[in-house]
């Protein structure tokens, strides 16, 4: 029996966290989900060994106290030898934000969809490894 996927959600918006959790449960109820309301809380979970490296981290880019950029930099330090895919899920669709995120080590930068069905479809694509369909061109680490 294979170990279920583990994901972490880091988002300061309680509605977005609930929406995301419901979408994950809709896709697969066996996925183990860890929810954090800030980058500070997520980093503390790693530093206190409350979580090992998850398969995916979905990180909001626009948060108070520690924004997504700052959190991404710290996560990359903590997870430097681990295979964890960090995906930025943000309301921003600015090219500069996307380029910044990719340069800092994110695997993907996705704009938060408007509907539950779109979110489910997007998450399913990411978790199944078919995320390229969300782009007109594949994401490149050279951005």
N, C-alpha and C. Protein backbone atom coordinates (compact mmCIF):
# COMPACT_ATOMS: atom_id res chain seq x y z
N UNK A 1 0.84 -1.19 0.00
CA UNK A 1 0.00 0.00 0.00
C UNK A 1 0.88 1.24 0.00
N UNK A 2 0.61 2.18 -0.89
CA UNK A 2 1.40 3.39 -0.97
C UNK A 2 0.96 4.40 0.07
N UNK A 3 1.92 5.19 0.49
CA UNK A 3 1.66 6.24 1.46
C UNK A 3 0.84 7.35 0.79
N UNK A 4 -0.21 7.88 1.44
CA UNK A 4 -0.99 8.96 0.83
C UNK A 4 -0.15 10.22 0.67
N UNK A 5 -0.49 11.00 -0.34
CA UNK A 5 0.20 12.27 -0.55
C UNK A 5 -0.03 13.16 0.66
N UNK A 6 0.98 13.97 0.95
CA UNK A 6 0.90 14.95 2.03
C UNK A 6 1.03 16.33 1.43
N UNK A 7 0.12 17.22 1.77
CA UNK A 7 0.23 18.60 1.30
C UNK A 7 0.09 19.56 2.47
N UNK A 8 0.65 20.75 2.26
CA UNK A 8 0.53 21.83 3.24
C UNK A 8 -0.08 23.02 2.51
N UNK A 9 -1.01 23.67 3.18
CA UNK A 9 -1.65 24.88 2.66
C UNK A 9 -1.24 26.02 3.60
N UNK A 10 -0.69 27.08 3.02
CA UNK A 10 -0.31 28.26 3.81
C UNK A 10 -1.07 29.44 3.22
N UNK A 11 -2.07 29.90 3.93
CA UNK A 11 -2.91 31.00 3.43
C UNK A 11 -3.53 31.72 4.62
N UNK A 12 -3.49 33.04 4.61
CA UNK A 12 -4.01 33.82 5.73
C UNK A 12 -5.53 33.98 5.69
N UNK A 13 -6.16 33.68 4.55
CA UNK A 13 -7.60 33.87 4.40
C UNK A 13 -8.35 32.60 4.82
N UNK A 14 -9.16 32.67 5.90
CA UNK A 14 -9.86 31.47 6.37
C UNK A 14 -10.82 30.88 5.34
N UNK A 15 -11.47 31.73 4.54
CA UNK A 15 -12.38 31.21 3.51
C UNK A 15 -11.60 30.45 2.44
N UNK A 16 -10.45 30.99 2.03
CA UNK A 16 -9.63 30.30 1.04
C UNK A 16 -9.12 28.97 1.58
N UNK A 17 -8.73 28.93 2.85
CA UNK A 17 -8.25 27.67 3.44
C UNK A 17 -9.37 26.63 3.44
N UNK A 18 -10.59 27.03 3.81
CA UNK A 18 -11.73 26.11 3.83
C UNK A 18 -12.05 25.62 2.42
N UNK A 19 -12.09 26.53 1.48
CA UNK A 19 -12.36 26.25 0.06
C UNK A 19 -11.34 25.23 -0.46
N UNK A 20 -10.08 25.47 -0.14
CA UNK A 20 -8.98 24.60 -0.57
C UNK A 20 -9.11 23.21 0.06
N UNK A 21 -9.37 23.17 1.36
CA UNK A 21 -9.51 21.89 2.06
C UNK A 21 -10.66 21.08 1.48
N UNK A 22 -11.78 21.73 1.20
CA UNK A 22 -12.93 21.03 0.60
C UNK A 22 -12.58 20.51 -0.79
N UNK A 23 -11.83 21.28 -1.56
CA UNK A 23 -11.42 20.83 -2.90
C UNK A 23 -10.51 19.61 -2.81
N UNK A 24 -9.57 19.62 -1.88
CA UNK A 24 -8.68 18.46 -1.70
C UNK A 24 -9.49 17.24 -1.30
N UNK A 25 -10.41 17.38 -0.36
CA UNK A 25 -11.25 16.26 0.07
C UNK A 25 -12.10 15.74 -1.09
N UNK A 26 -12.54 16.64 -1.96
CA UNK A 26 -13.31 16.26 -3.13
C UNK A 26 -12.48 15.44 -4.11
N UNK A 27 -11.20 15.80 -4.26
CA UNK A 27 -10.29 15.11 -5.17
C UNK A 27 -9.92 13.74 -4.61
N UNK A 28 -9.50 13.73 -3.33
CA UNK A 28 -9.09 12.48 -2.70
C UNK A 28 -9.13 12.63 -1.19
N UNK A 29 -10.05 11.92 -0.54
CA UNK A 29 -10.15 12.04 0.92
C UNK A 29 -8.96 11.43 1.67
N UNK A 30 -8.07 10.72 0.98
CA UNK A 30 -6.93 10.12 1.67
C UNK A 30 -5.70 11.02 1.70
N UNK A 31 -5.74 12.14 1.01
CA UNK A 31 -4.62 13.07 1.04
C UNK A 31 -4.53 13.67 2.44
N UNK A 32 -3.33 13.64 3.00
CA UNK A 32 -3.10 14.20 4.33
C UNK A 32 -2.80 15.69 4.17
N UNK A 33 -3.60 16.53 4.82
CA UNK A 33 -3.49 17.97 4.65
C UNK A 33 -3.11 18.66 5.95
N UNK A 34 -2.13 19.54 5.86
CA UNK A 34 -1.71 20.38 6.99
C UNK A 34 -2.02 21.81 6.61
N UNK A 35 -2.75 22.51 7.47
CA UNK A 35 -3.19 23.87 7.15
C UNK A 35 -2.54 24.86 8.10
N UNK A 36 -1.96 25.91 7.51
CA UNK A 36 -1.33 26.98 8.30
C UNK A 36 -1.90 28.32 7.88
N UNK A 37 -2.11 29.20 8.86
CA UNK A 37 -2.68 30.50 8.53
C UNK A 37 -1.62 31.57 8.30
N UNK A 38 -0.34 31.17 8.36
CA UNK A 38 0.75 32.13 8.09
C UNK A 38 2.03 31.37 7.77
N UNK A 39 2.94 32.08 7.14
CA UNK A 39 4.25 31.51 6.88
C UNK A 39 4.98 31.23 8.18
N UNK A 40 4.78 32.08 9.16
CA UNK A 40 5.43 31.92 10.46
C UNK A 40 4.99 30.60 11.11
N UNK A 41 3.69 30.31 11.06
CA UNK A 41 3.18 29.06 11.63
C UNK A 41 3.75 27.85 10.87
N UNK A 42 3.82 27.93 9.55
CA UNK A 42 4.34 26.82 8.75
C UNK A 42 5.81 26.56 9.07
N UNK A 43 6.61 27.61 9.12
CA UNK A 43 8.03 27.43 9.43
C UNK A 43 8.22 26.84 10.82
N UNK A 44 7.40 27.27 11.77
CA UNK A 44 7.48 26.72 13.13
C UNK A 44 7.19 25.22 13.14
N UNK A 45 6.23 24.79 12.31
CA UNK A 45 5.92 23.35 12.24
C UNK A 45 7.13 22.55 11.77
N UNK A 46 7.87 23.08 10.81
CA UNK A 46 9.07 22.39 10.34
C UNK A 46 10.17 22.44 11.40
N UNK A 47 10.39 23.61 12.00
CA UNK A 47 11.45 23.77 12.98
C UNK A 47 11.21 22.93 14.23
N UNK A 48 9.95 22.71 14.58
CA UNK A 48 9.61 21.91 15.75
C UNK A 48 9.40 20.44 15.40
N UNK A 49 9.72 20.08 14.16
CA UNK A 49 9.57 18.70 13.66
C UNK A 49 8.15 18.15 13.82
N UNK A 50 7.16 19.01 13.66
CA UNK A 50 5.77 18.57 13.71
C UNK A 50 5.31 18.04 12.36
N UNK A 51 6.13 18.27 11.33
CA UNK A 51 5.82 17.79 10.00
C UNK A 51 7.13 17.49 9.27
N UNK A 52 7.12 16.40 8.51
CA UNK A 52 8.25 16.11 7.63
C UNK A 52 7.98 16.85 6.32
N UNK A 53 8.82 16.66 5.36
CA UNK A 53 8.64 17.35 4.07
C UNK A 53 7.41 16.81 3.35
N UNK A 54 6.40 17.67 3.13
CA UNK A 54 5.22 17.22 2.39
C UNK A 54 5.54 17.10 0.90
N UNK A 55 4.66 16.44 0.16
CA UNK A 55 4.85 16.32 -1.29
C UNK A 55 4.65 17.67 -1.97
N UNK A 56 3.68 18.43 -1.49
CA UNK A 56 3.35 19.73 -2.07
C UNK A 56 3.09 20.75 -0.98
N UNK A 57 3.51 21.99 -1.23
CA UNK A 57 3.15 23.12 -0.39
C UNK A 57 2.47 24.13 -1.31
N UNK A 58 1.24 24.51 -0.96
CA UNK A 58 0.51 25.55 -1.69
C UNK A 58 0.60 26.81 -0.83
N UNK A 59 1.26 27.82 -1.37
CA UNK A 59 1.61 29.01 -0.62
C UNK A 59 0.96 30.26 -1.22
N UNK A 60 0.21 30.98 -0.39
CA UNK A 60 -0.35 32.26 -0.80
C UNK A 60 0.78 33.27 -0.86
N UNK A 61 0.77 34.13 -1.87
CA UNK A 61 1.86 35.09 -2.06
C UNK A 61 1.64 36.38 -1.27
N UNK A 62 0.38 36.75 -1.06
CA UNK A 62 0.07 38.02 -0.41
C UNK A 62 -0.49 37.78 0.99
N UNK A 63 0.40 37.81 1.97
CA UNK A 63 0.00 37.60 3.37
C UNK A 63 0.66 38.67 4.23
N UNK A 64 0.04 39.00 5.37
CA UNK A 64 0.67 39.95 6.30
C UNK A 64 1.78 39.27 7.11
N UNK A 65 2.53 40.04 7.83
CA UNK A 65 3.63 39.61 8.69
C UNK A 65 4.79 39.02 7.90
N UNK A 66 4.59 37.90 7.26
CA UNK A 66 5.60 37.28 6.40
C UNK A 66 4.92 36.98 5.07
N UNK A 67 5.32 37.69 4.02
CA UNK A 67 4.65 37.46 2.74
C UNK A 67 5.14 36.16 2.09
N UNK A 68 4.52 35.80 0.99
CA UNK A 68 4.85 34.56 0.32
C UNK A 68 6.29 34.49 -0.16
N UNK A 69 6.83 35.61 -0.62
CA UNK A 69 8.23 35.64 -1.07
C UNK A 69 9.17 35.27 0.08
N UNK A 70 8.97 35.94 1.22
CA UNK A 70 9.82 35.69 2.39
C UNK A 70 9.67 34.24 2.86
N UNK A 71 8.45 33.76 2.88
CA UNK A 71 8.19 32.39 3.31
C UNK A 71 8.83 31.39 2.35
N UNK A 72 8.74 31.64 1.06
CA UNK A 72 9.32 30.76 0.05
C UNK A 72 10.83 30.64 0.25
N UNK A 73 11.50 31.75 0.47
CA UNK A 73 12.95 31.75 0.70
C UNK A 73 13.29 30.87 1.91
N UNK A 74 12.54 31.04 3.00
CA UNK A 74 12.80 30.25 4.22
C UNK A 74 12.47 28.77 4.02
N UNK A 75 11.38 28.48 3.32
CA UNK A 75 11.02 27.09 3.05
C UNK A 75 12.11 26.40 2.23
N UNK A 76 12.64 27.10 1.24
CA UNK A 76 13.69 26.51 0.40
C UNK A 76 14.93 26.19 1.24
N UNK A 77 15.24 27.02 2.23
CA UNK A 77 16.38 26.75 3.13
C UNK A 77 16.12 25.49 3.95
N UNK A 78 14.92 25.38 4.51
CA UNK A 78 14.57 24.24 5.36
C UNK A 78 14.49 22.95 4.55
N UNK A 79 13.93 23.04 3.35
CA UNK A 79 13.66 21.85 2.54
C UNK A 79 14.70 21.63 1.44
N UNK A 80 15.89 22.19 1.61
CA UNK A 80 16.87 22.20 0.53
C UNK A 80 17.20 20.84 -0.05
N UNK A 81 17.18 19.79 0.69
CA UNK A 81 17.51 18.47 0.16
C UNK A 81 16.30 17.55 0.08
N UNK A 82 15.14 18.12 0.21
CA UNK A 82 13.90 17.34 0.17
C UNK A 82 13.19 17.57 -1.17
N UNK A 83 12.41 16.60 -1.57
CA UNK A 83 11.64 16.75 -2.80
C UNK A 83 10.24 17.21 -2.43
N UNK A 84 10.09 18.50 -2.30
CA UNK A 84 8.79 19.11 -2.01
C UNK A 84 8.52 20.13 -3.11
N UNK A 85 7.38 20.02 -3.74
CA UNK A 85 6.99 20.96 -4.79
C UNK A 85 6.25 22.12 -4.15
N UNK A 86 6.79 23.33 -4.31
CA UNK A 86 6.15 24.51 -3.75
C UNK A 86 5.42 25.24 -4.87
N UNK A 87 4.12 25.39 -4.68
CA UNK A 87 3.26 26.03 -5.66
C UNK A 87 2.69 27.30 -5.06
N UNK A 88 2.88 28.41 -5.75
CA UNK A 88 2.29 29.67 -5.32
C UNK A 88 0.86 29.69 -5.86
N UNK A 89 -0.08 29.93 -4.98
CA UNK A 89 -1.48 30.05 -5.36
C UNK A 89 -1.93 31.41 -4.87
N UNK A 90 -2.08 32.35 -5.80
CA UNK A 90 -2.28 33.74 -5.42
C UNK A 90 -3.39 34.41 -6.21
N UNK A 91 -3.90 35.51 -5.68
CA UNK A 91 -4.87 36.30 -6.43
C UNK A 91 -4.16 37.12 -7.50
N UNK A 92 -2.86 37.28 -7.39
CA UNK A 92 -2.08 38.06 -8.35
C UNK A 92 -1.94 37.30 -9.67
N UNK A 93 -1.97 38.05 -10.76
CA UNK A 93 -1.65 37.45 -12.06
C UNK A 93 -0.58 38.31 -12.75
N UNK A 94 0.17 39.05 -11.93
CA UNK A 94 1.22 39.92 -12.45
C UNK A 94 2.45 39.10 -12.86
N UNK A 95 2.95 39.39 -14.04
CA UNK A 95 4.12 38.68 -14.57
C UNK A 95 5.32 38.80 -13.62
N UNK A 96 5.49 39.98 -13.01
CA UNK A 96 6.61 40.19 -12.10
C UNK A 96 6.53 39.26 -10.89
N UNK A 97 5.32 39.05 -10.37
CA UNK A 97 5.15 38.14 -9.23
C UNK A 97 5.50 36.71 -9.64
N UNK A 98 5.04 36.31 -10.81
CA UNK A 98 5.33 34.96 -11.30
C UNK A 98 6.83 34.76 -11.48
N UNK A 99 7.48 35.73 -12.12
CA UNK A 99 8.92 35.62 -12.34
C UNK A 99 9.68 35.58 -11.02
N UNK A 100 9.26 36.39 -10.07
CA UNK A 100 9.86 36.42 -8.74
C UNK A 100 9.75 35.05 -8.06
N UNK A 101 8.56 34.50 -8.08
CA UNK A 101 8.30 33.21 -7.43
C UNK A 101 9.15 32.11 -8.06
N UNK A 102 9.23 32.08 -9.37
CA UNK A 102 10.00 31.04 -10.05
C UNK A 102 11.50 31.22 -9.75
N UNK A 103 11.96 32.45 -9.75
CA UNK A 103 13.37 32.72 -9.45
C UNK A 103 13.72 32.28 -8.02
N UNK A 104 12.77 32.43 -7.10
CA UNK A 104 13.00 32.06 -5.70
C UNK A 104 12.83 30.56 -5.44
N UNK A 105 12.40 29.80 -6.45
CA UNK A 105 12.35 28.36 -6.30
C UNK A 105 10.99 27.70 -6.32
N UNK A 106 9.94 28.45 -6.63
CA UNK A 106 8.62 27.82 -6.73
C UNK A 106 8.57 26.95 -7.98
N UNK A 107 7.84 25.85 -7.91
CA UNK A 107 7.67 24.98 -9.07
C UNK A 107 6.64 25.58 -10.03
N UNK A 108 5.60 26.21 -9.47
CA UNK A 108 4.50 26.77 -10.25
C UNK A 108 4.00 28.04 -9.59
N UNK A 109 3.39 28.88 -10.41
CA UNK A 109 2.68 30.06 -9.91
C UNK A 109 1.31 30.01 -10.55
N UNK A 110 0.28 29.78 -9.74
CA UNK A 110 -1.09 29.69 -10.24
C UNK A 110 -1.95 30.79 -9.64
N UNK A 111 -2.78 31.38 -10.48
CA UNK A 111 -3.73 32.38 -10.00
C UNK A 111 -4.95 31.64 -9.45
N UNK A 112 -5.39 32.06 -8.26
CA UNK A 112 -6.54 31.41 -7.63
C UNK A 112 -7.75 31.47 -8.55
N UNK A 113 -8.38 30.34 -8.79
CA UNK A 113 -9.57 30.33 -9.65
C UNK A 113 -10.78 30.92 -8.94
N UNK A 114 -11.81 31.21 -9.73
CA UNK A 114 -13.01 31.84 -9.18
C UNK A 114 -14.07 30.86 -8.70
N UNK A 115 -14.02 29.61 -9.16
CA UNK A 115 -15.06 28.65 -8.78
C UNK A 115 -14.45 27.43 -8.13
N UNK A 116 -15.28 26.74 -7.37
CA UNK A 116 -14.86 25.51 -6.70
C UNK A 116 -14.44 24.46 -7.74
N UNK A 117 -15.21 24.34 -8.81
CA UNK A 117 -14.91 23.35 -9.85
C UNK A 117 -13.56 23.63 -10.51
N UNK A 118 -13.29 24.91 -10.78
CA UNK A 118 -11.99 25.28 -11.37
C UNK A 118 -10.85 24.95 -10.41
N UNK A 119 -11.05 25.20 -9.11
CA UNK A 119 -10.03 24.88 -8.12
C UNK A 119 -9.78 23.38 -8.08
N UNK A 120 -10.85 22.58 -8.05
CA UNK A 120 -10.70 21.12 -8.04
C UNK A 120 -9.92 20.65 -9.27
N UNK A 121 -10.27 21.18 -10.42
CA UNK A 121 -9.61 20.80 -11.66
C UNK A 121 -8.13 21.17 -11.63
N UNK A 122 -7.85 22.37 -11.16
CA UNK A 122 -6.46 22.84 -11.07
C UNK A 122 -5.66 21.97 -10.11
N UNK A 123 -6.20 21.73 -8.92
CA UNK A 123 -5.49 20.93 -7.93
C UNK A 123 -5.28 19.49 -8.40
N UNK A 124 -6.30 18.93 -9.03
CA UNK A 124 -6.19 17.57 -9.55
C UNK A 124 -5.07 17.50 -10.59
N UNK A 125 -5.02 18.49 -11.47
CA UNK A 125 -3.96 18.53 -12.47
C UNK A 125 -2.58 18.60 -11.84
N UNK A 126 -2.42 19.43 -10.83
CA UNK A 126 -1.13 19.57 -10.15
C UNK A 126 -0.76 18.25 -9.47
N UNK A 127 -1.68 17.68 -8.70
CA UNK A 127 -1.39 16.47 -7.94
C UNK A 127 -1.16 15.25 -8.83
N UNK A 128 -1.71 15.27 -10.04
CA UNK A 128 -1.50 14.17 -10.98
C UNK A 128 -0.31 14.43 -11.90
N UNK A 129 0.31 15.59 -11.76
CA UNK A 129 1.47 15.91 -12.57
C UNK A 129 1.15 16.42 -13.96
N UNK A 130 -0.10 16.79 -14.20
CA UNK A 130 -0.46 17.29 -15.52
C UNK A 130 -0.75 18.79 -15.47
N UNK A 131 0.03 19.52 -14.69
CA UNK A 131 -0.18 20.94 -14.49
C UNK A 131 0.13 21.78 -15.72
N UNK A 132 0.90 21.25 -16.68
CA UNK A 132 1.27 22.02 -17.86
C UNK A 132 0.06 22.52 -18.63
N UNK A 133 -1.07 21.82 -18.52
CA UNK A 133 -2.25 22.22 -19.27
C UNK A 133 -2.80 23.58 -18.83
N UNK A 134 -2.31 24.11 -17.71
CA UNK A 134 -2.78 25.42 -17.23
C UNK A 134 -1.99 26.57 -17.81
N UNK A 135 -1.00 26.24 -18.67
CA UNK A 135 -0.12 27.26 -19.24
C UNK A 135 -0.10 27.17 -20.75
N UNK A 136 0.11 28.30 -21.38
CA UNK A 136 0.29 28.28 -22.83
C UNK A 136 1.72 27.83 -23.14
N UNK A 137 2.61 27.95 -22.15
CA UNK A 137 3.97 27.44 -22.29
C UNK A 137 4.34 26.80 -20.95
N UNK A 138 5.17 25.74 -20.97
CA UNK A 138 5.57 25.11 -19.70
C UNK A 138 6.37 26.07 -18.83
N UNK A 139 6.16 25.96 -17.53
CA UNK A 139 6.93 26.79 -16.61
C UNK A 139 8.39 26.38 -16.71
N UNK A 140 9.25 27.34 -16.67
CA UNK A 140 10.67 27.06 -16.83
C UNK A 140 11.44 27.58 -15.63
N UNK A 141 12.38 26.79 -15.11
CA UNK A 141 13.17 27.27 -13.99
C UNK A 141 14.11 28.40 -14.39
N UNK A 142 14.22 28.67 -15.69
CA UNK A 142 15.11 29.74 -16.16
C UNK A 142 14.48 31.11 -16.12
N UNK A 143 13.20 31.21 -15.72
CA UNK A 143 12.54 32.53 -15.67
C UNK A 143 13.22 33.46 -14.73
